[in-house]
Amino acid sequence: MIKKRIGILAFILFALLFAGCITRSALVTFESNGGTPVQDVLVPIGGTLEEPKEPTKEGYEFGGWYSDMDLNEEYDFQKPVENNMTLFAKWIPAKYTITWDTMGGSEIEPTEVSYKGSIKAPEEPVREGYVFKGWYYEPEHETPFDFRTLMPAQDFTLYALWELGEYTVTFETFGGSAIAPIEGTYGDEFDIPEPNRFGYTFAGWYLDEEFTEEFTEFNIPPRNTVLYAKWNPIDIEVTFLVYPGNSYTVAVKFNEKLEMPETPQRTGFTFVAWLLDGEIFDFDTPITEEIILEGNWDRNKYTVTFETDGGSAVEAADVLYNRPLERPEDPVKTGHDFIGWFKDAEYETPWDFEKDLVTEDITLYAKWEPKTYTISFFLLPIDPITQKYGTPLTAPTDPEREGHSFAGWYRDSGFTKPFVFPETMPAEDILLYARWTTNEYWVRYFVDGKLYYEALVSYGEEIPAIDIP
C-alpha cells in the first residue's frame, strides 16, 4: 500500500514538473479519516475543485470536507484553489433503531442510538401475570443482550423474556372463619374452603370491598390479590306479644336494628313500653337471636260518679279498667229508702256490684223509694193516716167532743209542741194529741119574764142553785 502511494506521488510529481513547464497546478489531497479512499487531484491554480464522490464509512454519515484537521472550517468548493492543500472528511455517527418486542407486555417505543453509543435499558415492560426476566436477541431467547454493548451499525430487535409470576391470594372474611393465604403461579387452579360466620350465609368472593366484581374463576390471578367475603345476614324472628291473645312476628336481618312499631292500641289500657325479659327493650340494640317482646300496659283508670238525686253525697271513685266497683256506703235521703244504684237515669238497669266491671267513665244513679209513714191520733176515733213521704196530705176533719172545743193538734201530751198539718206527708211517724178547751155556758134565770140571775158555767160544772123569791 505504501509502495503504491509512493508511486502515485512520484507520478503526480513528474506530472507537475511536466505541467509546470506548461501550466501551474495545485495538488489537492483528501484525508477520508477512516472512510473509503478518495483519489488526490491536480487543480489549476485559480481553478475550482470539483467535489469528489462522497466516501463511506461504516456506522457514519459523511458530514462534508473541511480545510482543517479539527474540522472547524468546511471547505467551499466554489472557492478558487491557490495552492496545494489537504481536505479532511468529517463523519457523523449514524443513528440506528432498536425495536423492543415486549412479547405481549406493555408497549415500548423504538429507541434511536448513535453508532457506538451507549444503549440504555428502557423502563421494564409489564405483563399481567408475568415477571420480566430481561432482553434477548432472538424470540427463542437464546442469547441475552448485554447493555454494555455499544450500538452496532445496524437496526436490530430485542425480545422480552417472561416468566409466570408467583402471587399470593389472601382472604378477608370480615369476621368469618379465617382462611390461610394461598400462594401459586399465575393461572394455577386453587380451591377455597367456604368460610362460615355466625348469623350469616356466605354469598361469594369479591375483588372489592364494595362487592361490585365477583371472583368466580378460581385460578391464581396475575397479581397479589385480596378476596373479600360477602355475607348475607340471616333472618331473625322477633315476636311481639302485644297482650295475651294478640301477637305477631317480624323478620329482622341478623345484627341489624329492629324498627320500632307503631304504638299498639288496647281498649282500657295505655301502652308503656316493650319489655324483653322484664326490662325495657332498647331498639338501638342489634338483633342476634330470636326474642319475644312483651307489651307493657297500664290499666286506665275510670271515674265512677254517683248521682244521689238529693241524697247524701257519695264521693266519686277511680276504678281500674275491667275491675269491679267497690260498693260505697249507701246514701241517705230524707223520707226515702235507698233501693240501689242504676246505670241509667230511668232506673231500668241496675248495677251489679258482683258481676259488672268498669270499662269507661260512668255515672250511677241512686234510686229511691219514698217511705210510708203514719199519723196516729191518740185516743180518738180517727183512722190513722198512712201514706208515702211527700205525698199530698189532707188534714182530718177537726174532731168533736161534747162540751169542748177543738184547740188544735199537738205532738206531746203536755201540749207544748203544736202541730200544723203540712201539704205533704212528713218523713216520720207521728202521734198527735188533740187539745180541747172546755166550753162555757151562760145560765140565766128569769123571773116573771125578767132576767133574775145569770152565771157563766164551764161544761161539767155544777149549776149554781139560787133561791127564787
Protein backbone atom coordinates (compact mmCIF):
# COMPACT_ATOMS: atom_id res chain seq x y z
CA MET A 1 0.00 0.00 0.00
CA ILE A 2 2.86 2.36 0.91
CA LYS A 3 4.74 1.49 -2.29
CA LYS A 4 1.63 2.14 -4.30
CA ARG A 5 1.16 5.52 -2.65
CA ILE A 6 4.81 6.44 -3.26
CA GLY A 7 4.40 5.50 -6.90
CA ILE A 8 1.33 7.67 -7.20
CA LEU A 9 3.09 10.62 -5.61
CA ALA A 10 6.07 10.18 -7.92
CA PHE A 11 3.78 10.11 -10.89
CA ILE A 12 1.99 13.23 -9.72
CA LEU A 13 5.32 14.98 -9.10
CA PHE A 14 6.50 14.09 -12.56
CA ALA A 15 3.27 15.32 -13.99
CA LEU A 16 3.56 18.55 -12.09
CA LEU A 17 7.09 19.10 -13.31
CA PHE A 18 5.94 18.41 -16.74
CA ALA A 19 2.85 20.52 -16.41
CA GLY A 20 4.76 23.24 -14.66
CA CYS A 21 6.60 23.70 -17.79
CA ILE A 22 3.24 24.30 -19.35
CA THR A 23 0.61 25.40 -16.57
CA ARG A 24 0.93 25.81 -12.79
CA SER A 25 -1.31 23.38 -10.78
CA ALA A 26 -2.09 22.66 -7.11
CA LEU A 27 -2.22 19.19 -5.58
CA VAL A 28 -5.36 18.50 -3.52
CA THR A 29 -5.14 15.57 -1.18
CA PHE A 30 -8.23 14.03 0.52
CA GLU A 31 -7.92 12.62 4.05
CA SER A 32 -11.04 10.44 4.45
CA ASN A 33 -10.40 9.83 8.18
CA GLY A 34 -11.09 6.12 8.05
CA GLY A 35 -13.53 6.28 5.20
CA THR A 36 -13.07 4.85 1.75
CA PRO A 37 -10.02 6.45 -0.04
CA VAL A 38 -10.53 9.43 -2.37
CA GLN A 39 -8.12 9.99 -5.28
CA ASP A 40 -5.85 13.06 -4.99
CA VAL A 41 -6.33 15.55 -7.78
CA LEU A 42 -4.37 18.36 -9.52
CA VAL A 43 -6.28 21.58 -9.85
CA PRO A 44 -5.05 24.52 -11.93
CA ILE A 45 -4.12 27.46 -9.78
CA GLY A 46 -7.14 29.75 -9.67
CA GLY A 47 -9.44 26.96 -10.75
CA THR A 48 -12.16 25.37 -8.62
CA LEU A 49 -12.08 21.92 -7.19
CA GLU A 50 -14.78 19.52 -8.30
CA GLU A 51 -16.36 17.84 -5.30
CA PRO A 52 -15.44 14.18 -5.38
CA LYS A 53 -17.81 11.28 -4.80
CA GLU A 54 -18.62 11.04 -1.10
CA PRO A 55 -16.58 8.45 0.74
CA THR A 56 -18.29 5.94 3.01
CA LYS A 57 -17.51 4.72 6.48
CA GLU A 58 -19.31 2.01 8.41
CA GLY A 59 -21.53 3.43 11.08
CA TYR A 60 -21.20 7.00 9.95
CA GLU A 61 -22.80 9.52 7.70
CA PHE A 62 -20.49 11.73 5.64
CA GLY A 63 -20.53 15.28 7.01
CA GLY A 64 -18.53 17.12 4.34
CA TRP A 65 -14.92 18.18 3.60
CA TYR A 66 -13.08 20.54 5.93
CA SER A 67 -9.95 22.62 5.43
CA ASP A 68 -8.54 21.86 8.88
CA MET A 69 -7.88 18.73 10.85
CA ASP A 70 -10.09 19.98 13.67
CA LEU A 71 -13.00 20.10 11.25
CA ASN A 72 -13.95 23.62 12.14
CA GLU A 73 -13.87 25.20 8.65
CA GLU A 74 -15.93 23.50 5.98
CA TYR A 75 -14.37 23.74 2.52
CA ASP A 76 -16.16 25.81 -0.12
CA PHE A 77 -15.88 24.07 -3.49
CA GLN A 78 -16.74 27.34 -5.24
CA LYS A 79 -13.58 28.93 -3.89
CA PRO A 80 -10.56 29.10 -6.31
CA VAL A 81 -7.67 26.81 -5.47
CA GLU A 82 -4.50 28.84 -4.76
CA ASN A 83 -2.03 26.20 -3.62
CA ASN A 84 -1.58 22.63 -2.56
CA MET A 85 -3.89 21.54 0.23
CA THR A 86 -5.38 18.62 2.08
CA LEU A 87 -9.13 18.30 2.76
CA PHE A 88 -10.35 16.32 5.73
CA ALA A 89 -13.54 14.24 5.77
CA LYS A 90 -15.97 14.84 8.62
CA TRP A 91 -18.01 11.91 9.86
CA ILE A 92 -21.23 11.99 11.85
CA PRO A 93 -22.14 8.82 13.72
CA ALA A 94 -25.25 7.30 12.14
CA LYS A 95 -28.34 6.58 14.24
CA TYR A 96 -29.81 3.12 14.30
CA THR A 97 -33.08 1.88 15.72
CA ILE A 98 -33.60 -0.67 18.46
CA THR A 99 -37.07 -2.21 18.33
CA TRP A 100 -38.35 -3.62 21.61
CA ASP A 101 -40.57 -6.63 21.12
CA THR A 102 -42.24 -7.00 24.54
CA MET A 103 -43.77 -10.35 23.61
CA GLY A 104 -47.21 -9.44 24.95
CA GLY A 105 -46.07 -6.93 27.53
CA SER A 106 -46.67 -3.21 27.66
CA GLU A 107 -45.56 -1.38 24.54
CA ILE A 108 -42.15 0.38 24.38
CA GLU A 109 -41.38 2.93 21.70
CA PRO A 110 -38.37 2.14 19.46
CA THR A 111 -35.08 3.73 20.54
CA GLU A 112 -32.65 5.55 18.26
CA VAL A 113 -28.99 5.29 19.29
CA SER A 114 -25.92 6.69 17.56
CA TYR A 115 -23.36 4.25 16.26
CA LYS A 116 -21.15 3.00 19.10
CA GLY A 117 -23.29 4.95 21.51
CA SER A 118 -24.25 3.55 24.90
CA ILE A 119 -27.52 1.66 24.95
CA LYS A 120 -29.71 2.41 27.95
CA ALA A 121 -32.21 -0.12 29.14
CA PRO A 122 -35.77 1.17 28.80
CA GLU A 123 -38.23 1.07 31.64
CA GLU A 124 -39.12 -2.54 32.20
CA PRO A 125 -42.31 -3.59 30.45
CA VAL A 126 -45.14 -5.13 32.38
CA ARG A 127 -47.30 -8.06 31.52
CA GLU A 128 -50.21 -9.25 33.56
CA GLY A 129 -49.32 -12.40 35.42
CA TYR A 130 -45.67 -12.43 34.39
CA VAL A 131 -42.29 -11.33 35.70
CA PHE A 132 -39.90 -9.64 33.28
CA LYS A 133 -36.57 -11.51 33.04
CA GLY A 134 -34.56 -9.48 30.52
CA TRP A 135 -33.95 -8.78 26.79
CA TYR A 136 -32.76 -11.29 24.22
CA TYR A 137 -31.52 -11.15 20.64
CA GLU A 138 -33.86 -13.89 19.49
CA PRO A 139 -37.54 -14.59 20.07
CA GLU A 140 -36.39 -18.03 21.22
CA HIS A 141 -34.45 -16.26 23.98
CA GLU A 142 -31.12 -17.99 23.38
CA THR A 143 -28.72 -15.03 23.66
CA PRO A 144 -29.26 -12.41 26.35
CA PHE A 145 -28.48 -8.83 25.48
CA ASP A 146 -25.69 -7.11 27.41
CA PHE A 147 -26.37 -3.41 27.87
CA ARG A 148 -22.64 -2.78 28.00
CA THR A 149 -22.69 -3.43 24.26
CA LEU A 150 -22.16 -0.33 22.11
CA MET A 151 -24.60 0.44 19.35
CA PRO A 152 -23.74 -1.51 16.17
CA ALA A 153 -24.09 -0.08 12.69
CA GLN A 154 -27.48 -1.61 12.09
CA ASP A 155 -31.06 -1.67 13.28
CA PHE A 156 -31.97 -4.63 15.42
CA THR A 157 -34.77 -6.02 17.60
CA LEU A 158 -34.60 -7.21 21.20
CA TYR A 159 -37.13 -9.67 22.63
CA ALA A 160 -38.51 -9.63 26.18
CA LEU A 161 -38.29 -12.80 28.23
CA TRP A 162 -41.13 -13.51 30.67
CA GLU A 163 -41.71 -15.99 33.43
CA LEU A 164 -45.05 -16.75 35.03
CA GLY A 165 -45.40 -14.78 38.25
CA GLU A 166 -45.80 -16.21 41.72
CA TYR A 167 -48.65 -14.50 43.54
CA THR A 168 -50.45 -14.67 46.86
CA VAL A 169 -54.19 -14.70 47.37
CA THR A 170 -55.28 -13.55 50.82
CA PHE A 171 -58.79 -13.69 52.21
CA GLU A 172 -60.70 -11.04 54.13
CA THR A 173 -63.61 -12.85 55.78
CA PHE A 174 -64.99 -9.86 57.71
CA GLY A 175 -65.47 -11.75 60.93
CA GLY A 176 -65.95 -15.16 59.36
CA SER A 177 -63.71 -18.16 59.92
CA ALA A 178 -60.08 -17.47 58.98
CA ILE A 179 -58.64 -18.85 55.71
CA ALA A 180 -54.89 -19.13 55.21
CA PRO A 181 -53.34 -17.29 52.23
CA ILE A 182 -52.73 -19.31 49.06
CA GLU A 183 -49.52 -18.93 47.04
CA GLY A 184 -49.22 -20.11 43.46
CA THR A 185 -48.21 -19.48 39.88
CA TYR A 186 -50.36 -17.29 37.73
CA GLY A 187 -53.18 -19.31 36.21
CA ASP A 188 -52.90 -22.26 38.60
CA GLU A 189 -56.22 -23.56 39.86
CA PHE A 190 -56.90 -23.50 43.57
CA ASP A 191 -59.70 -24.42 45.96
CA ILE A 192 -61.04 -22.25 48.75
CA PRO A 193 -62.89 -23.75 51.67
CA GLU A 194 -66.15 -21.90 52.23
CA PRO A 195 -65.94 -19.77 55.37
CA ASN A 196 -68.68 -19.61 57.93
CA ARG A 197 -69.90 -16.82 60.14
CA PHE A 198 -72.50 -16.92 62.86
CA GLY A 199 -75.70 -15.22 61.78
CA TYR A 200 -74.80 -15.01 58.10
CA THR A 201 -74.85 -17.05 54.91
CA PHE A 202 -71.84 -16.91 52.62
CA ALA A 203 -72.60 -15.10 49.32
CA GLY A 204 -69.32 -15.44 47.40
CA TRP A 205 -65.88 -13.89 46.98
CA TYR A 206 -65.38 -10.44 45.53
CA LEU A 207 -62.41 -8.45 44.29
CA ASP A 208 -63.50 -5.25 46.01
CA GLU A 209 -64.88 -4.25 49.37
CA GLU A 210 -67.95 -2.75 47.70
CA PHE A 211 -68.80 -6.20 46.27
CA THR A 212 -69.21 -4.99 42.70
CA GLU A 213 -66.90 -7.52 40.98
CA GLU A 214 -67.37 -11.15 41.88
CA PHE A 215 -64.44 -13.58 41.75
CA THR A 216 -65.67 -16.76 40.06
CA GLU A 217 -62.69 -18.34 38.29
CA PHE A 218 -60.53 -19.95 40.91
CA ASN A 219 -57.15 -19.54 39.22
CA ILE A 220 -54.21 -17.65 40.66
CA PRO A 221 -54.73 -14.08 39.43
CA PRO A 222 -51.96 -12.05 37.77
CA ARG A 223 -51.13 -10.10 40.89
CA ASN A 224 -51.21 -10.35 44.66
CA THR A 225 -54.89 -10.27 45.41
CA VAL A 226 -57.20 -9.84 48.37
CA LEU A 227 -60.56 -11.59 48.08
CA TYR A 228 -63.42 -10.22 50.16
CA ALA A 229 -66.12 -12.47 51.56
CA LYS A 230 -69.65 -11.23 51.04
CA TRP A 231 -72.20 -12.18 53.68
CA ASN A 232 -75.96 -12.06 53.73
CA PRO A 233 -77.43 -11.78 57.20
CA ILE A 234 -79.95 -14.46 58.06
CA ASP A 235 -83.49 -13.58 59.08
CA ILE A 236 -84.14 -13.49 62.82
CA GLU A 237 -87.71 -13.83 64.07
CA VAL A 238 -88.88 -11.29 66.60
CA THR A 239 -92.26 -11.93 68.19
CA PHE A 240 -94.33 -9.07 69.55
CA LEU A 241 -96.67 -10.30 72.27
CA VAL A 242 -98.93 -7.27 72.29
CA TYR A 243 -101.12 -8.72 75.02
CA PRO A 244 -102.47 -12.19 75.75
CA GLY A 245 -104.18 -13.48 72.64
CA ASN A 246 -102.70 -10.83 70.35
CA SER A 247 -99.23 -11.34 68.87
CA TYR A 248 -97.36 -11.14 65.57
CA THR A 249 -93.90 -11.94 64.23
CA VAL A 250 -91.49 -9.92 62.08
CA ALA A 251 -88.21 -10.89 60.41
CA VAL A 252 -85.08 -8.84 61.09
CA LYS A 253 -81.70 -9.29 59.42
CA PHE A 254 -79.05 -10.61 61.77
CA ASN A 255 -77.17 -7.89 63.65
CA GLU A 256 -79.47 -5.19 62.33
CA LYS A 257 -81.66 -2.98 64.46
CA LEU A 258 -85.33 -3.65 64.93
CA GLU A 259 -87.63 -0.91 63.73
CA MET A 260 -89.89 0.31 66.48
CA PRO A 261 -93.50 -0.46 65.54
CA GLU A 262 -96.37 1.95 65.86
CA THR A 263 -97.75 2.26 69.36
CA PRO A 264 -100.29 -0.53 69.79
CA GLN A 265 -103.81 0.11 70.98
CA ARG A 266 -105.75 -1.81 73.59
CA THR A 267 -109.14 -0.98 74.97
CA GLY A 268 -108.90 0.17 78.55
CA PHE A 269 -105.11 0.30 78.65
CA THR A 270 -102.31 2.75 77.93
CA PHE A 271 -99.18 1.33 76.29
CA VAL A 272 -96.00 1.86 78.31
CA ALA A 273 -93.11 0.04 76.61
CA TRP A 274 -91.86 -3.18 75.03
CA LEU A 275 -90.17 -5.48 77.52
CA LEU A 276 -87.51 -8.12 76.99
CA ASP A 277 -87.17 -10.43 79.97
CA GLY A 278 -88.89 -7.85 82.12
CA GLU A 279 -86.63 -4.95 81.09
CA ILE A 280 -87.43 -2.11 78.71
CA PHE A 281 -86.08 -3.07 75.27
CA ASP A 282 -83.63 -0.69 73.57
CA PHE A 283 -84.44 -0.54 69.86
CA ASP A 284 -80.84 0.51 69.15
CA THR A 285 -79.76 -3.00 70.10
CA PRO A 286 -78.70 -5.18 67.12
CA ILE A 287 -80.74 -8.38 66.86
CA THR A 288 -78.61 -11.53 67.06
CA GLU A 289 -81.12 -14.12 68.24
CA GLU A 290 -84.83 -14.82 68.32
CA ILE A 291 -86.57 -12.81 71.00
CA ILE A 292 -90.06 -12.21 72.33
CA LEU A 293 -91.02 -8.65 73.20
CA GLU A 294 -93.95 -8.24 75.54
CA GLY A 295 -96.15 -5.19 75.60
CA ASN A 296 -96.25 -3.47 78.96
CA TRP A 297 -99.55 -1.77 79.70
CA ASP A 298 -101.01 0.43 82.40
CA ARG A 299 -104.66 -0.14 83.09
CA ASN A 300 -106.61 3.01 82.55
CA LYS A 301 -108.44 4.50 85.49
CA TYR A 302 -112.01 5.49 85.01
CA THR A 303 -114.15 7.69 87.21
CA VAL A 304 -117.44 6.50 88.57
CA THR A 305 -119.67 9.40 89.57
CA PHE A 306 -122.62 8.88 91.88
CA GLU A 307 -125.76 10.90 91.26
CA THR A 308 -127.73 10.67 94.52
CA ASP A 309 -130.74 12.67 93.36
CA GLY A 310 -130.95 14.72 96.51
CA GLY A 311 -129.48 12.12 98.78
CA SER A 312 -126.30 12.45 100.77
CA ALA A 313 -123.21 12.95 98.64
CA VAL A 314 -121.13 9.92 97.59
CA GLU A 315 -117.54 10.61 96.61
CA ALA A 316 -116.58 9.69 93.06
CA ALA A 317 -114.44 6.56 92.73
CA ASP A 318 -111.43 5.90 90.45
CA VAL A 319 -111.52 2.31 89.24
CA LEU A 320 -109.06 0.41 87.05
CA TYR A 321 -110.33 -0.77 83.70
CA ASN A 322 -112.31 -4.01 83.78
CA ARG A 323 -112.24 -4.14 87.55
CA PRO A 324 -115.31 -4.35 89.81
CA LEU A 325 -116.56 -1.30 91.63
CA GLU A 326 -116.42 -1.41 95.37
CA ARG A 327 -119.85 -0.76 96.79
CA PRO A 328 -119.91 2.61 98.51
CA GLU A 329 -121.77 3.27 101.70
CA ASP A 330 -125.44 3.70 100.89
CA PRO A 331 -126.51 7.31 100.69
CA VAL A 332 -129.41 8.56 102.74
CA LYS A 333 -132.26 10.77 101.75
CA THR A 334 -134.96 12.17 103.94
CA GLY A 335 -138.14 10.19 103.71
CA HIS A 336 -136.79 7.59 101.35
CA ASP A 337 -135.47 4.10 101.32
CA PHE A 338 -132.37 3.58 99.13
CA ILE A 339 -133.17 0.94 96.52
CA GLY A 340 -129.81 0.73 94.76
CA TRP A 341 -127.58 2.10 92.01
CA PHE A 342 -128.65 2.12 88.40
CA LYS A 343 -126.78 2.58 85.13
CA ASP A 344 -129.36 4.92 83.71
CA ALA A 345 -131.40 7.81 84.92
CA GLU A 346 -134.56 5.92 84.02
CA TYR A 347 -133.63 3.21 86.54
CA GLU A 348 -134.02 0.41 84.03
CA THR A 349 -130.69 -1.39 84.52
CA PRO A 350 -129.28 -1.88 88.00
CA TRP A 351 -125.53 -2.00 88.64
CA ASP A 352 -124.42 -5.44 89.80
CA PHE A 353 -121.51 -4.98 92.18
CA GLU A 354 -120.70 -8.69 91.95
CA LYS A 355 -120.58 -9.01 88.17
CA ASP A 356 -120.39 -5.63 86.49
CA LEU A 357 -116.93 -4.25 85.60
CA VAL A 358 -115.90 -0.66 84.98
CA THR A 359 -114.77 -0.07 81.37
CA GLU A 360 -115.28 3.68 81.00
CA ASP A 361 -116.21 6.83 82.87
CA ILE A 362 -119.75 6.30 84.08
CA THR A 363 -122.42 7.84 86.28
CA LEU A 364 -124.54 5.68 88.56
CA TYR A 365 -127.93 6.89 89.61
CA ALA A 366 -129.39 6.33 93.07
CA LYS A 367 -132.92 5.02 93.06
CA TRP A 368 -135.13 5.92 95.98
CA GLU A 369 -138.45 4.66 97.24
CA PRO A 370 -140.45 7.05 99.44
CA LYS A 371 -141.07 5.63 102.90
CA THR A 372 -144.56 5.13 104.29
CA TYR A 373 -145.36 7.00 107.46
CA THR A 374 -148.40 7.03 109.77
CA ILE A 375 -150.01 9.88 111.62
CA SER A 376 -151.96 8.45 114.56
CA PHE A 377 -154.44 10.23 116.78
CA PHE A 378 -154.26 9.50 120.48
CA LEU A 379 -157.47 8.09 121.94
CA LEU A 380 -159.58 9.43 119.20
CA PRO A 381 -161.85 7.54 116.88
CA ILE A 382 -159.98 8.86 113.86
CA ASP A 383 -158.40 6.48 111.42
CA PRO A 384 -154.64 6.82 111.25
CA ILE A 385 -153.30 8.49 108.11
CA THR A 386 -150.79 6.16 106.42
CA GLN A 387 -149.14 7.25 103.19
CA LYS A 388 -145.80 7.76 101.47
CA TYR A 389 -143.47 10.57 102.25
CA GLY A 390 -144.06 13.65 100.23
CA THR A 391 -147.48 12.69 99.01
CA PRO A 392 -150.19 15.33 99.37
CA LEU A 393 -151.53 15.34 102.88
CA THR A 394 -155.07 16.28 103.84
CA ALA A 395 -155.75 17.19 107.43
CA PRO A 396 -158.61 15.27 109.01
CA THR A 397 -161.82 16.98 109.98
CA ASP A 398 -161.48 18.56 113.36
CA PRO A 399 -162.74 16.11 115.94
CA GLU A 400 -165.68 16.88 118.17
CA ARG A 401 -166.18 16.39 121.88
CA GLU A 402 -169.18 17.16 123.88
CA GLY A 403 -168.78 20.29 125.93
CA HIS A 404 -165.45 21.05 124.41
CA SER A 405 -163.98 22.97 121.55
CA PHE A 406 -161.08 21.56 119.49
CA ALA A 407 -157.99 23.71 120.07
CA GLY A 408 -155.52 22.06 117.70
CA TRP A 409 -153.13 19.17 117.35
CA TYR A 410 -150.03 18.68 119.43
CA ARG A 411 -147.09 16.32 119.31
CA ASP A 412 -146.97 15.90 123.01
CA SER A 413 -149.46 15.27 125.71
CA GLY A 414 -148.34 18.37 127.51
CA PHE A 415 -149.46 20.40 124.55
CA THR A 416 -146.15 22.24 124.22
CA LYS A 417 -145.46 21.29 120.60
CA PRO A 418 -148.25 22.35 118.33
CA PHE A 419 -148.57 20.53 115.02
CA VAL A 420 -149.84 22.02 111.81
CA PHE A 421 -150.61 19.63 109.02
CA PRO A 422 -148.16 20.22 106.14
CA GLU A 423 -149.10 19.97 102.50
CA THR A 424 -147.26 16.66 102.08
CA MET A 425 -146.60 13.67 104.23
CA PRO A 426 -143.65 14.29 106.56
CA ALA A 427 -140.82 11.83 106.94
CA GLU A 428 -141.77 10.41 110.29
CA ASP A 429 -144.46 8.58 112.20
CA ILE A 430 -146.40 10.99 114.34
CA LEU A 431 -148.75 10.54 117.28
CA LEU A 432 -150.95 13.57 117.63
CA TYR A 433 -152.79 14.72 120.68
CA ALA A 434 -155.97 16.71 120.35
CA ARG A 435 -156.15 19.68 122.65
CA TRP A 436 -159.54 20.66 123.93
CA THR A 437 -160.88 23.67 125.67
CA THR A 438 -163.89 23.30 127.95
CA ASN A 439 -166.86 25.18 126.69
CA GLU A 440 -168.54 27.75 128.98
CA TYR A 441 -172.23 28.28 129.00
CA TRP A 442 -174.47 31.03 130.38
CA VAL A 443 -177.00 30.00 132.92
CA ARG A 444 -179.76 32.61 133.19
CA TYR A 445 -182.68 32.70 135.49
CA PHE A 446 -185.78 34.69 134.54
CA VAL A 447 -188.49 35.61 136.96
CA ASP A 448 -191.69 36.94 135.57
CA GLY A 449 -190.11 37.32 132.28
CA LYS A 450 -187.25 39.28 133.60
CA LEU A 451 -183.64 38.18 133.96
CA TYR A 452 -183.18 37.47 137.52
CA TYR A 453 -179.71 35.90 137.59
CA GLU A 454 -177.07 34.70 135.19
CA ALA A 455 -173.79 32.88 135.57
CA LEU A 456 -171.08 31.61 133.17
CA VAL A 457 -170.58 27.96 133.92
CA SER A 458 -167.99 25.63 132.41
CA TYR A 459 -169.16 22.43 130.92
CA GLY A 460 -169.42 19.82 133.60
CA GLU A 461 -169.51 22.25 136.46
CA GLU A 462 -172.42 22.20 138.83
CA ILE A 463 -175.04 24.78 138.01
CA PRO A 464 -175.31 27.12 140.91
CA ALA A 465 -178.57 26.92 142.86
CA ILE A 466 -180.37 30.16 143.67
CA ASP A 467 -183.32 31.00 145.75
CA ILE A 468 -186.20 32.30 143.80
CA PRO A 469 -188.25 34.85 145.64
